[in-house]
C-alpha atoms as a PDB file:
ATOM      1  CA  THR A   1      50.336  47.608-197.988  1.00  0.00           C
ATOM      2  CA  SER A   2      47.909  49.014-199.500  1.00  0.00           C
ATOM      3  CA  GLY A   3      47.999  51.910-197.470  1.00  0.00           C
ATOM      4  CA  GLY A   4      48.242  53.373-193.634  1.00  0.00           C
ATOM      5  CA  THR A   5      44.826  51.705-192.632  1.00  0.00           C
ATOM      6  CA  GLU A   6      45.620  48.093-194.100  1.00  0.00           C
ATOM      7  CA  SER A   7      49.061  48.740-192.209  1.00  0.00           C
ATOM      8  CA  ASP A   8      47.283  49.813-188.676  1.00  0.00           C
ATOM      9  CA  ASN A   9      45.286  47.252-188.950  1.00  0.00           C
ATOM     10  CA  TRP A  10      47.940  44.511-189.758  1.00  0.00           C
ATOM     11  CA  ALA A  11      50.589  46.343-187.258  1.00  0.00           C
ATOM     12  CA  VAL A  12      47.683  46.204-184.356  1.00  0.00           C
ATOM     13  CA  LYS A  13      45.623  43.262-184.956  1.00  0.00           C
ATOM     14  CA  GLY A  14      48.371  41.022-186.461  1.00  0.00           C
ATOM     15  CA  THR A  15      50.796  41.466-183.155  1.00  0.00           C
ATOM     16  CA  MET A  16      47.897  40.846-181.191  1.00  0.00           C
ATOM     17  CA  PHE A  17      46.451  38.565-182.386  1.00  0.00           C
ATOM     18  CA  ALA A  18      50.019  36.261-182.008  1.00  0.00           C
ATOM     19  CA  ALA A  19      50.098  37.023-178.443  1.00  0.00           C
ATOM     20  CA  SER A  20      49.922  33.034-176.262  1.00  0.00           C
ATOM     21  CA  GLU A  21      49.089  35.238-173.208  1.00  0.00           C
ATOM     22  CA  LYS A  22      48.994  38.643-173.209  1.00  0.00           C
ATOM     23  CA  LYS A  23      45.643  40.048-174.033  1.00  0.00           C
ATOM     24  CA  THR A  24      45.826  44.053-173.490  1.00  0.00           C
ATOM     25  CA  LEU A  25      46.560  46.992-176.195  1.00  0.00           C
ATOM     26  CA  ILE A  26      46.934  50.283-174.844  1.00  0.00           C
ATOM     27  CA  THR A  27      46.654  53.463-177.468  1.00  0.00           C
ATOM     28  CA  SER A  28      46.165  57.216-177.520  1.00  0.00           C
ATOM     29  CA  GLN A  29      42.355  58.672-177.564  1.00  0.00           C
ATOM     30  CA  ILE A  30      44.084  60.817-180.462  1.00  0.00           C
ATOM     31  CA  GLU A  31      45.007  58.119-182.829  1.00  0.00           C
ATOM     32  CA  HIS A  32      43.398  57.700-186.422  1.00  0.00           C
ATOM     33  CA  HIS A  33      40.026  55.808-187.080  1.00  0.00           C
ATOM     34  CA  ALA A  34      42.672  53.119-188.464  1.00  0.00           C
ATOM     35  CA  ILE A  35      43.832  52.452-184.797  1.00  0.00           C
ATOM     36  CA  LEU A  36      40.620  53.526-182.557  1.00  0.00           C
ATOM     37  CA  ARG A  37      38.534  51.010-184.927  1.00  0.00           C
ATOM     38  CA  SER A  38      40.868  48.277-184.690  1.00  0.00           C
ATOM     39  CA  ALA A  39      40.714  48.346-181.156  1.00  0.00           C
ATOM     40  CA  ASP A  40      37.354  48.509-180.540  1.00  0.00           C
ATOM     41  CA  SER A  41      37.581  44.841-183.070  1.00  0.00           C
ATOM     42  CA  LEU A  42      39.621  43.582-180.733  1.00  0.00           C
ATOM     43  CA  GLU A  43      37.029  44.753-177.425  1.00  0.00           C
ATOM     44  CA  HIS A  44      34.388  42.732-179.202  1.00  0.00           C
ATOM     45  CA  LYS A  45      36.934  39.520-179.199  1.00  0.00           C
ATOM     46  CA  GLY A  46      37.534  39.733-175.608  1.00  0.00           C
ATOM     47  CA  PHE A  47      41.043  41.750-175.874  1.00  0.00           C
ATOM     48  CA  SER A  48      41.690  44.531-173.304  1.00  0.00           C
ATOM     49  CA  VAL A  49      41.974  47.614-174.543  1.00  0.00           C
ATOM     50  CA  ILE A  50      43.238  50.833-172.024  1.00  0.00           C
ATOM     51  CA  ARG A  51      43.135  54.724-174.311  1.00  0.00           C
ATOM     52  CA  LEU A  52      45.821  57.081-172.810  1.00  0.00           C
ATOM     53  CA  GLU A  53      44.657  60.742-171.653  1.00  0.00           C
ATOM     54  CA  VAL A  54      46.553  63.467-173.814  1.00  0.00           C
ATOM     55  CA  SER A  55      47.624  66.825-172.131  1.00  0.00           C
ATOM     56  CA  LYS A  56      46.331  69.726-173.961  1.00  0.00           C
ATOM     57  CA  ASP A  57      48.926  70.132-176.519  1.00  0.00           C
ATOM     58  CA  GLY A  58      47.743  66.458-177.219  1.00  0.00           C
ATOM     59  CA  VAL A  59      50.869  65.449-175.983  1.00  0.00           C
ATOM     60  CA  VAL A  60      50.937  61.633-174.683  1.00  0.00           C
ATOM     61  CA  GLU A  61      52.890  61.574-171.515  1.00  0.00           C
ATOM     62  CA  PRO A  62      55.825  58.837-171.245  1.00  0.00           C
ATOM     63  CA  ASP A  63      54.797  58.704-166.822  1.00  0.00           C
ATOM     64  CA  ASN A  64      50.986  58.492-168.066  1.00  0.00           C
ATOM     65  CA  LEU A  65      52.253  54.805-169.926  1.00  0.00           C
ATOM     66  CA  TYR A  66      54.261  54.112-167.169  1.00  0.00           C
ATOM     67  CA  GLN A  67      51.812  54.364-164.581  1.00  0.00           C
ATOM     68  CA  THR A  68      48.973  52.751-167.076  1.00  0.00           C
ATOM     69  CA  ILE A  69      50.814  49.481-168.521  1.00  0.00           C
ATOM     70  CA  THR A  70      51.634  45.991-167.101  1.00  0.00           C
ATOM     71  CA  SER A  71      53.370  42.709-167.516  1.00  0.00           C
ATOM     72  CA  ASP A  72      49.493  41.688-169.357  1.00  0.00           C
ATOM     73  CA  THR A  73      50.489  44.237-172.284  1.00  0.00           C
ATOM     74  CA  GLN A  74      51.243  43.076-175.433  1.00  0.00           C
ATOM     75  CA  LEU A  75      51.479  45.843-177.569  1.00  0.00           C
ATOM     76  CA  VAL A  76      51.357  49.800-177.032  1.00  0.00           C
ATOM     77  CA  SER A  77      50.264  51.651-180.018  1.00  0.00           C
ATOM     78  CA  VAL A  78      51.242  55.836-180.562  1.00  0.00           C
ATOM     79  CA  MET A  79      51.335  58.069-183.903  1.00  0.00           C
ATOM     80  CA  PHE A  80      54.226  59.664-184.453  1.00  0.00           C
ATOM     81  CA  ALA A  81      52.065  62.402-185.516  1.00  0.00           C
ATOM     82  CA  ASN A  82      48.591  63.874-184.994  1.00  0.00           C
ATOM     83  CA  ASN A  83      46.858  64.510-188.426  1.00  0.00           C
ATOM     84  CA  GLU A  84      44.400  66.653-187.128  1.00  0.00           C
ATOM     85  CA  ILE A  85      46.917  69.363-184.434  1.00  0.00           C
ATOM     86  CA  GLY A  86      50.107  67.980-185.748  1.00  0.00           C
ATOM     87  CA  THR A  87      51.159  67.053-182.248  1.00  0.00           C
ATOM     88  CA  ILE A  88      54.744  65.447-182.290  1.00  0.00           C
ATOM     89  CA  GLN A  89      54.846  62.635-179.865  1.00  0.00           C
ATOM     90  CA  PRO A  90      57.895  61.528-178.162  1.00  0.00           C
ATOM     91  CA  ILE A  91      58.149  58.278-179.276  1.00  0.00           C
ATOM     92  CA  LYS A  92      61.702  56.895-178.060  1.00  0.00           C
ATOM     93  CA  GLU A  93      60.592  57.767-174.636  1.00  0.00           C
ATOM     94  CA  LEU A  94      57.014  55.981-174.961  1.00  0.00           C
ATOM     95  CA  ALA A  95      58.907  52.765-176.741  1.00  0.00           C
ATOM     96  CA  LYS A  96      61.447  52.624-173.784  1.00  0.00           C
ATOM     97  CA  VAL A  97      58.643  52.253-170.931  1.00  0.00           C
ATOM     98  CA  ALA A  98      56.712  49.578-173.769  1.00  0.00           C
ATOM     99  CA  HIS A  99      60.055  47.614-173.684  1.00  0.00           C
ATOM    100  CA  SER A 100      60.767  47.951-170.030  1.00  0.00           C
ATOM    101  CA  LYS A 101      56.911  45.893-169.482  1.00  0.00           C
ATOM    102  CA  GLY A 102      58.351  43.492-172.092  1.00  0.00           C
ATOM    103  CA  ALA A 103      55.142  44.646-174.913  1.00  0.00           C
ATOM    104  CA  PHE A 104      55.885  45.504-178.153  1.00  0.00           C
ATOM    105  CA  PHE A 105      56.031  49.244-179.754  1.00  0.00           C
ATOM    106  CA  HIS A 106      53.949  50.143-183.030  1.00  0.00           C
ATOM    107  CA  THR A 107      53.841  53.594-184.095  1.00  0.00           C
ATOM    108  CA  ASP A 108      51.483  55.340-186.761  1.00  0.00           C
ATOM    109  CA  ALA A 109      53.627  56.792-188.602  1.00  0.00           C
ATOM    110  CA  VAL A 110      51.415  58.134-191.801  1.00  0.00           C
ATOM    111  CA  GLN A 111      51.157  61.504-191.424  1.00  0.00           C
ATOM    112  CA  ALA A 112      54.998  62.117-190.660  1.00  0.00           C
ATOM    113  CA  ILE A 113      56.994  60.197-192.571  1.00  0.00           C
ATOM    114  CA  GLY A 114      58.917  62.207-195.977  1.00  0.00           C
ATOM    115  CA  HIS A 115      58.162  64.857-193.239  1.00  0.00           C
ATOM    116  CA  VAL A 116      60.094  64.437-190.658  1.00  0.00           C
ATOM    117  CA  HIS A 117      63.501  62.634-189.531  1.00  0.00           C
ATOM    118  CA  ILE A 118      62.373  59.195-188.802  1.00  0.00           C
ATOM    119  CA  ASP A 119      65.025  56.459-187.926  1.00  0.00           C
ATOM    120  CA  VAL A 120      63.342  52.946-186.421  1.00  0.00           C
ATOM    121  CA  LYS A 121      66.565  52.108-184.855  1.00  0.00           C
ATOM    122  CA  GLU A 122      67.345  54.833-183.062  1.00  0.00           C
ATOM    123  CA  LEU A 123      63.416  54.587-181.696  1.00  0.00           C
ATOM    124  CA  ASP A 124      64.133  51.537-180.872  1.00  0.00           C
ATOM    125  CA  VAL A 125      60.036  50.989-182.776  1.00  0.00           C
ATOM    126  CA  ASP A 126      59.141  47.080-183.625  1.00  0.00           C
ATOM    127  CA  LEU A 127      56.597  48.712-186.228  1.00  0.00           C
ATOM    128  CA  LEU A 128      56.297  52.000-187.840  1.00  0.00           C
ATOM    129  CA  SER A 129      53.129  52.188-190.708  1.00  0.00           C
ATOM    130  CA  ALA A 130      53.041  54.458-193.502  1.00  0.00           C
ATOM    131  CA  SER A 131      51.452  55.074-196.700  1.00  0.00           C
ATOM    132  CA  ALA A 132      52.572  56.703-200.028  1.00  0.00           C
ATOM    133  CA  HIS A 133      50.233  59.598-200.920  1.00  0.00           C
ATOM    134  CA  LYS A 134      50.966  61.799-197.781  1.00  0.00           C
ATOM    135  CA  PHE A 135      54.539  61.881-199.080  1.00  0.00           C
ATOM    136  CA  ASN A 136      53.501  63.115-202.687  1.00  0.00           C
ATOM    137  CA  GLY A 137      53.640  59.288-203.266  1.00  0.00           C
ATOM    138  CA  PRO A 138      50.835  57.046-205.692  1.00  0.00           C
ATOM    139  CA  LYS A 139      47.589  56.633-203.400  1.00  0.00           C
ATOM    140  CA  GLY A 140      46.810  52.753-202.199  1.00  0.00           C
ATOM    141  CA  ILE A 141      50.233  51.886-201.880  1.00  0.00           C
ATOM    142  CA  GLY A 142      51.869  51.599-198.059  1.00  0.00           C
ATOM    143  CA  PHE A 143      54.214  49.868-196.381  1.00  0.00           C
ATOM    144  CA  LEU A 144      54.433  48.284-192.312  1.00  0.00           C
ATOM    145  CA  TYR A 145      57.602  48.303-190.781  1.00  0.00           C
ATOM    146  CA  ILE A 146      57.910  44.822-188.644  1.00  0.00           C
ATOM    147  CA  LYS A 147      61.323  44.343-186.497  1.00  0.00           C
ATOM    148  CA  ASP A 148      62.622  41.014-186.505  1.00  0.00           C
ATOM    149  CA  GLY A 149      61.629  38.735-184.049  1.00  0.00           C
ATOM    150  CA  VAL A 150      58.270  40.577-183.807  1.00  0.00           C
ATOM    151  CA  LYS A 151      55.472  37.718-183.283  1.00  0.00           C
ATOM    152  CA  ILE A 152      52.568  38.891-186.041  1.00  0.00           C
ATOM    153  CA  GLU A 153      50.239  36.827-187.472  1.00  0.00           C
ATOM    154  CA  PRO A 154      50.437  37.143-191.647  1.00  0.00           C
ATOM    155  CA  TYR A 155      47.839  39.324-193.616  1.00  0.00           C
ATOM    156  CA  LEU A 156      47.482  37.426-196.284  1.00  0.00           C
ATOM    157  CA  ASP A 157      47.719  33.608-196.582  1.00  0.00           C
ATOM    158  CA  GLY A 158      48.647  31.953-200.303  1.00  0.00           C
ATOM    159  CA  GLY A 159      51.844  32.654-202.235  1.00  0.00           C
ATOM    160  CA  SER A 160      55.017  33.221-200.751  1.00  0.00           C
ATOM    161  CA  GLN A 161      55.548  37.303-201.288  1.00  0.00           C
ATOM    162  CA  GLU A 162      56.037  39.535-198.716  1.00  0.00           C
ATOM    163  CA  TYR A 163      57.961  36.485-196.811  1.00  0.00           C
ATOM    164  CA  SER A 164      54.995  34.782-196.914  1.00  0.00           C
ATOM    165  CA  MET A 165      53.176  37.545-194.716  1.00  0.00           C
ATOM    166  CA  ARG A 166      51.254  38.944-197.156  1.00  0.00           C
ATOM    167  CA  ALA A 167      50.771  36.934-200.146  1.00  0.00           C
ATOM    168  CA  GLY A 168      49.450  37.930-203.636  1.00  0.00           C
ATOM    169  CA  THR A 169      51.356  39.805-206.180  1.00  0.00           C
ATOM    170  CA  GLU A 170      52.651  42.972-205.809  1.00  0.00           C
ATOM    171  CA  ASN A 171      52.173  46.560-207.204  1.00  0.00           C
ATOM    172  CA  VAL A 172      55.279  46.991-208.326  1.00  0.00           C
ATOM    173  CA  ALA A 173      54.679  50.648-209.917  1.00  0.00           C
ATOM    174  CA  ALA A 174      53.124  51.743-206.704  1.00  0.00           C
ATOM    175  CA  ILE A 175      55.856  49.943-204.590  1.00  0.00           C
ATOM    176  CA  ILE A 176      58.810  51.945-207.027  1.00  0.00           C
ATOM    177  CA  GLY A 177      56.757  55.048-207.257  1.00  0.00           C
ATOM    178  CA  MET A 178      56.527  54.832-203.385  1.00  0.00           C
ATOM    179  CA  ALA A 179      59.927  54.414-202.757  1.00  0.00           C
ATOM    180  CA  TYR A 180      60.728  57.468-205.457  1.00  0.00           C
ATOM    181  CA  ALA A 181      58.693  59.828-203.593  1.00  0.00           C
ATOM    182  CA  LEU A 182      59.811  58.733-200.381  1.00  0.00           C
ATOM    183  CA  GLN A 183      63.680  59.092-201.350  1.00  0.00           C
ATOM    184  CA  ASN A 184      62.940  62.290-202.766  1.00  0.00           C
ATOM    185  CA  ASN A 185      61.113  63.762-199.909  1.00  0.00           C
ATOM    186  CA  CYS A 186      63.831  62.965-197.300  1.00  0.00           C
ATOM    187  CA  LYS A 187      66.374  65.070-199.179  1.00  0.00           C
ATOM    188  CA  GLN A 188      64.142  67.658-198.575  1.00  0.00           C
ATOM    189  CA  ILE A 189      63.120  67.535-195.297  1.00  0.00           C
ATOM    190  CA  GLU A 190      65.314  70.548-194.132  1.00  0.00           C
ATOM    191  CA  SER A 191      64.858  73.127-196.713  1.00  0.00           C
ATOM    192  CA  ASN A 192      60.609  71.493-196.832  1.00  0.00           C
ATOM    193  CA  THR A 193      61.018  72.309-192.992  1.00  0.00           C
ATOM    194  CA  VAL A 194      62.267  75.844-193.720  1.00  0.00           C
ATOM    195  CA  HIS A 195      59.572  76.496-195.816  1.00  0.00           C
ATOM    196  CA  LEU A 196      56.079  75.072-194.274  1.00  0.00           C
ATOM    197  CA  ASN A 197      57.023  76.854-191.468  1.00  0.00           C
ATOM    198  CA  GLY A 198      57.809  80.432-192.583  1.00  0.00           C
ATOM    199  CA  LEU A 199      54.306  79.632-194.243  1.00  0.00           C
ATOM    200  CA  THR A 200      52.558  79.089-190.845  1.00  0.00           C
ATOM    201  CA  GLU A 201      54.082  82.015-189.218  1.00  0.00           C
ATOM    202  CA  VAL A 202      52.427  83.845-192.158  1.00  0.00           C
ATOM    203  CA  ILE A 203      49.546  83.012-191.295  1.00  0.00           C
ATOM    204  CA  VAL A 204      49.595  83.285-187.716  1.00  0.00           C
ATOM    205  CA  ASN A 205      51.468  86.198-187.391  1.00  0.00           C
ATOM    206  CA  LYS A 206      48.645  88.194-189.660  1.00  0.00           C
ATOM    207  CA  LEU A 207      45.622  86.716-187.710  1.00  0.00           C
ATOM    208  CA  ASN A 208      47.561  87.813-184.173  1.00  0.00           C
ATOM    209  CA  GLU A 209      48.206  91.627-185.758  1.00  0.00           C
ATOM    210  CA  ASN A 210      44.441  91.659-186.356  1.00  0.00           C
ATOM    211  CA  GLY A 211      43.061  92.393-182.464  1.00  0.00           C
ATOM    212  CA  ASN A 212      39.739  91.525-183.690  1.00  0.00           C
ATOM    213  CA  ILE A 213      40.480  87.783-184.448  1.00  0.00           C
ATOM    214  CA  ASP A 214      40.294  85.523-180.895  1.00  0.00           C
ATOM    215  CA  PHE A 215      41.660  82.520-181.784  1.00  0.00           C
ATOM    216  CA  LEU A 216      43.842  79.490-180.683  1.00  0.00           C
ATOM    217  CA  LYS A 217      46.630  77.346-182.495  1.00  0.00           C
ATOM    218  CA  ASN A 218      46.029  74.229-181.598  1.00  0.00           C
ATOM    219  CA  GLY A 219      49.005  70.950-180.661  1.00  0.00           C
ATOM    220  CA  GLY A 220      51.361  72.903-178.977  1.00  0.00           C
ATOM    221  CA  HIS A 221      54.861  74.326-179.914  1.00  0.00           C
ATOM    222  CA  ASN A 222      56.339  70.745-181.777  1.00  0.00           C
ATOM    223  CA  THR A 223      53.804  70.220-184.212  1.00  0.00           C
ATOM    224  CA  LEU A 224      54.457  68.561-187.709  1.00  0.00           C
ATOM    225  CA  PRO A 225      55.974  71.545-190.727  1.00  0.00           C
ATOM    226  CA  GLY A 226      52.475  72.513-192.673  1.00  0.00           C
ATOM    227  CA  VAL A 227      49.493  71.166-190.129  1.00  0.00           C
ATOM    228  CA  VAL A 228      47.648  74.243-189.097  1.00  0.00           C
ATOM    229  CA  SER A 229      44.753  73.820-187.126  1.00  0.00           C
ATOM    230  CA  LEU A 230      43.007  76.986-186.000  1.00  0.00           C
ATOM    231  CA  SER A 231      40.219  77.307-183.721  1.00  0.00           C
ATOM    232  CA  PHE A 232      38.409  80.959-183.712  1.00  0.00           C
ATOM    233  CA  ASN A 233      35.993  81.617-180.722  1.00  0.00           C
ATOM    234  CA  GLY A 234      32.506  82.001-181.736  1.00  0.00           C
ATOM    235  CA  ALA A 235      32.742  80.427-185.594  1.00  0.00           C
ATOM    236  CA  ASN A 236      31.269  78.177-187.333  1.00  0.00           C
ATOM    237  CA  GLY A 237      33.838  75.724-188.980  1.00  0.00           C
ATOM    238  CA  GLU A 238      31.932  74.370-191.687  1.00  0.00           C
ATOM    239  CA  ALA A 239      30.497  77.512-192.664  1.00  0.00           C
ATOM    240  CA  MET A 240      33.605  79.062-193.020  1.00  0.00           C
ATOM    241  CA  LEU A 241      35.221  75.924-194.891  1.00  0.00           C
ATOM    242  CA  HIS A 242      32.545  76.677-197.467  1.00  0.00           C
ATOM    243  CA  ARG A 243      33.518  80.160-197.483  1.00  0.00           C
ATOM    244  CA  LEU A 244      36.806  79.441-198.271  1.00  0.00           C
ATOM    245  CA  ASP A 245      36.416  77.147-200.721  1.00  0.00           C
ATOM    246  CA  LEU A 246      34.449  80.281-202.598  1.00  0.00           C
ATOM    247  CA  ARG A 247      37.691  81.711-201.958  1.00  0.00           C
ATOM    248  CA  GLY A 248      40.415  78.718-203.889  1.00  0.00           C
ATOM    249  CA  ILE A 249      40.948  77.927-200.479  1.00  0.00           C
ATOM    250  CA  CYS A 250      40.717  74.174-199.889  1.00  0.00           C
ATOM    251  CA  VAL A 251      40.889  73.283-195.761  1.00  0.00           C
ATOM    252  CA  SER A 252      38.826  70.678-193.953  1.00  0.00           C
ATOM    253  CA  THR A 253      37.206  70.926-190.045  1.00  0.00           C
ATOM    254  CA  GLY A 254      37.825  68.205-187.754  1.00  0.00           C
ATOM    255  CA  SER A 255      39.451  65.399-189.596  1.00  0.00           C
ATOM    256  CA  ALA A 256      39.793  65.769-193.150  1.00  0.00           C
ATOM    257  CA  CYS A 257      40.056  62.015-192.873  1.00  0.00           C
ATOM    258  CA  ASP A 258      35.305  62.209-191.356  1.00  0.00           C
ATOM    259  CA  SER A 259      33.803  63.522-194.227  1.00  0.00           C
ATOM    260  CA  VAL A 260      30.648  63.111-193.055  1.00  0.00           C
ATOM    261  CA  ASN A 261      30.672  63.690-189.692  1.00  0.00           C
ATOM    262  CA  THR A 262      30.966  67.377-188.417  1.00  0.00           C
ATOM    263  CA  ASN A 263      30.742  67.428-184.950  1.00  0.00           C
ATOM    264  CA  ILE A 264      33.683  68.499-182.951  1.00  0.00           C
ATOM    265  CA  SER A 265      36.145  65.810-183.489  1.00  0.00           C
ATOM    266  CA  HIS A 266      37.790  62.750-180.848  1.00  0.00           C
ATOM    267  CA  VAL A 267      41.350  64.591-181.095  1.00  0.00           C
ATOM    268  CA  LEU A 268      39.271  68.203-179.788  1.00  0.00           C
ATOM    269  CA  GLN A 269      37.402  66.932-177.711  1.00  0.00           C
ATOM    270  CA  ALA A 270      41.058  64.490-176.408  1.00  0.00           C
ATOM    271  CA  ILE A 271      42.495  67.776-175.809  1.00  0.00           C
ATOM    272  CA  GLY A 272      40.015  69.576-173.785  1.00  0.00           C
ATOM    273  CA  LEU A 273      38.618  72.354-176.501  1.00  0.00           C
ATOM    274  CA  ASP A 274      36.563  74.753-175.203  1.00  0.00           C
ATOM    275  CA  GLU A 275      33.569  74.193-177.129  1.00  0.00           C
ATOM    276  CA  LYS A 276      33.382  77.913-178.107  1.00  0.00           C
ATOM    277  CA  TYR A 277      36.878  77.449-180.057  1.00  0.00           C
ATOM    278  CA  ALA A 278      36.473  73.753-181.325  1.00  0.00           C
ATOM    279  CA  LYS A 279      33.046  74.445-183.207  1.00  0.00           C
ATOM    280  CA  GLY A 280      35.429  76.821-185.095  1.00  0.00           C
ATOM    281  CA  THR A 281      38.348  74.434-185.670  1.00  0.00           C
ATOM    282  CA  ILE A 282      39.859  74.714-189.437  1.00  0.00           C
ATOM    283  CA  ARG A 283      42.600  72.339-190.349  1.00  0.00           C
ATOM    284  CA  ILE A 284      44.984  74.341-192.939  1.00  0.00           C
ATOM    285  CA  SER A 285      47.792  71.275-194.346  1.00  0.00           C
ATOM    286  CA  LEU A 286      50.485  73.552-196.500  1.00  0.00           C
ATOM    287  CA  GLY A 287      52.471  71.694-198.553  1.00  0.00           C
ATOM    288  CA  LYS A 288      55.891  72.023-200.201  1.00  0.00           C
ATOM    289  CA  ARG A 289      54.411  74.062-203.652  1.00  0.00           C
ATOM    290  CA  ASN A 290      52.977  76.655-201.714  1.00  0.00           C
ATOM    291  CA  SER A 291      53.633  79.935-201.499  1.00  0.00           C
ATOM    292  CA  ILE A 292      54.297  83.013-199.119  1.00  0.00           C
ATOM    293  CA  GLU A 293      51.694  84.143-201.638  1.00  0.00           C
ATOM    294  CA  ASP A 294      48.994  81.503-200.958  1.00  0.00           C
ATOM    295  CA  ALA A 295      49.457  81.724-197.011  1.00  0.00           C
ATOM    296  CA  ASP A 296      48.810  85.826-197.548  1.00  0.00           C
ATOM    297  CA  TYR A 297      46.019  85.173-199.368  1.00  0.00           C
ATOM    298  CA  ILE A 298      44.828  82.288-196.843  1.00  0.00           C
ATOM    299  CA  ALA A 299      44.920  84.321-194.221  1.00  0.00           C
ATOM    300  CA  ASN A 300      44.271  87.884-195.407  1.00  0.00           C
ATOM    301  CA  GLU A 301      40.456  85.751-196.566  1.00  0.00           C
ATOM    302  CA  ILE A 302      40.061  84.694-193.203  1.00  0.00           C
ATOM    303  CA  ILE A 303      39.932  87.749-191.653  1.00  0.00           C
ATOM    304  CA  LYS A 304      37.472  88.756-193.919  1.00  0.00           C
ATOM    305  CA  ILE A 305      35.397  85.797-193.025  1.00  0.00           C
ATOM    306  CA  VAL A 306      35.676  85.546-189.388  1.00  0.00           C
ATOM    307  CA  GLY A 307      35.291  89.098-188.814  1.00  0.00           C
ATOM    308  CA  ARG A 308      31.520  89.307-189.755  1.00  0.00           C
END
């Protein structure tokens, strides 16, 4: 595919359009906009959409899904890990609930694949979305895993490329680049995880050691390595972003995928974060090429800025 957005749109719309009788989609309140706006589009076409609430750590509870799902549900779509706060979802358990009611299960794994171990057979997911640039591959290329037996409409009609499901000449160079990048990242998952968790600890511990900094780390304990969402009491996230930028540090406020809107993000609203913290939220995305010195510098500069 051309990336995660296409993969998500195709998975959700293609599966729902292929349904003969079932007309309900279940997703969560903290999905990427590629899922949420696809769900909005389906509603405008007469489908029913249920958006599950999440816990304060951003977890979609399997019991909540079990109490909500009905025999009219065609698809359940829950992201593997949240792109803002990093929360990793209980995908295997959620897929089991979906299958118990005869529904398909899709996970948006764009943020997670190449960073944590993912086995589609072990998880028993029916569809999975991925995007190469999230695991150091080229931009503009991704893929959609579709399990045998899943009913889904073709994305593009025309030639017989991609099993006649996505017609058109493939971008072979980008596909090879994606495969090579994914292979490399999967080989380094353990070492990258240790490294990134170490960098996160440096930042969080340094902030904790400074008794004058009142902050929260979002997402709970089971989060993606390197995704650090921090909310500072009484701070202004937008001001922090610009001041850190002047110091050579690139962060985001709310979601990095929303470059125009600086309001409190839908994810922070969904986890019920107090507004006095939510407005002072930044997300730091650490990579395998960042160093301990980088983490130390980031923490020191945040302390200087928030202290003012």
